[in-house]
C-alpha cells in the first residue's frame, strides 16, 4: 500500500468518526531535514567544533573533484 492510499483511508476514517484530518504525506519532510541539519550543527558546536555548512563542502567537492569522462 502506498502512502497516498493509506492517507486516503485515514482521511475517510477521520471523516466517518469526526476526527481531525491527518496531514498529507510529505508535508513536513523539508522541516524534518532542516531540523536534523540544525541539530547536527548544534552538536558540532557542543563538541567544540564549528557549525559548518554541509552544502558548501558538497559544492566544493563537486567543483574540485575530477570527473571521469
Protein backbone atom coordinates (compact mmCIF):
# COMPACT_ATOMS: atom_id res chain seq x y z
CA UNK A 1 0.00 0.00 0.00
CA UNK A 2 1.38 3.38 -0.95
CA UNK A 3 1.47 6.43 1.28
CA UNK A 4 -1.26 8.08 -0.79
CA UNK A 5 -3.57 5.08 -0.43
CA UNK A 6 -3.01 4.99 3.32
CA UNK A 7 -3.66 8.74 3.51
CA UNK A 8 -6.95 8.33 1.66
CA UNK A 9 -8.04 5.53 4.01
CA UNK A 10 -7.07 7.59 7.06
CA UNK A 11 -8.91 10.62 5.68
CA UNK A 12 -12.03 8.53 5.11
CA UNK A 13 -11.88 7.08 8.63
CA UNK A 14 -11.36 10.53 10.13
CA UNK A 15 -14.39 11.91 8.28
CA UNK A 16 -16.52 8.98 9.45
CA UNK A 17 -15.53 9.40 13.10
CA UNK A 18 -15.44 13.19 13.18
CA UNK A 19 -11.71 13.25 13.95
CA UNK A 20 -9.33 15.88 12.55
CA UNK A 21 -7.89 15.11 9.14
CA UNK A 22 -4.37 13.66 9.03
CA UNK A 23 -1.61 15.71 7.39
CA UNK A 24 -0.90 14.81 3.76
CA UNK A 25 2.17 12.65 3.16
CA UNK A 26 5.36 14.62 2.62
CA UNK A 27 4.07 17.85 4.11
CA UNK A 28 6.69 18.03 6.85
CA UNK A 29 9.63 16.40 5.03
CA UNK A 30 11.54 19.65 4.46
CA UNK A 31 11.03 20.71 8.07
CA UNK A 32 12.39 17.38 9.31
CA UNK A 33 15.51 17.67 7.15
CA UNK A 34 16.11 21.24 8.35
CA UNK A 35 15.67 20.21 11.97
CA UNK A 36 18.12 17.32 11.56
CA UNK A 37 20.67 19.65 9.97
CA UNK A 38 20.25 22.23 12.72
CA UNK A 39 20.65 19.53 15.37
CA UNK A 40 23.82 18.26 13.71
CA UNK A 41 25.28 21.78 13.65
CA UNK A 42 24.27 22.28 17.30
CA UNK A 43 26.01 19.05 18.31
CA UNK A 44 29.14 20.14 16.43
CA UNK A 45 29.24 23.36 18.46
CA UNK A 46 28.74 21.48 21.74
CA UNK A 47 31.60 19.15 20.80
CA UNK A 48 33.89 22.13 20.38
CA UNK A 49 33.77 22.39 16.61
CA UNK A 50 32.16 24.92 14.38
CA UNK A 51 28.74 24.81 12.75
CA UNK A 52 29.77 24.08 9.19
CA UNK A 53 27.60 24.47 6.17
CA UNK A 54 27.45 20.99 4.59
CA UNK A 55 26.15 22.32 1.27
CA UNK A 56 29.26 24.43 0.85
CA UNK A 57 31.50 21.41 1.34
CA UNK A 58 29.42 19.37 -1.09
CA UNK A 59 29.59 22.14 -3.68
CA UNK A 60 33.35 22.43 -3.20
CA UNK A 61 33.78 18.67 -3.66
CA UNK A 62 31.63 18.75 -6.78
CA UNK A 63 33.60 21.59 -8.34
CA UNK A 64 37.11 20.40 -7.46
CA UNK A 65 36.85 16.65 -7.94
CA UNK A 66 37.96 15.49 -11.40
CA UNK A 67 35.13 13.71 -13.15
CA UNK A 68 35.88 10.69 -15.33
CA UNK A 69 34.70 11.29 -18.87
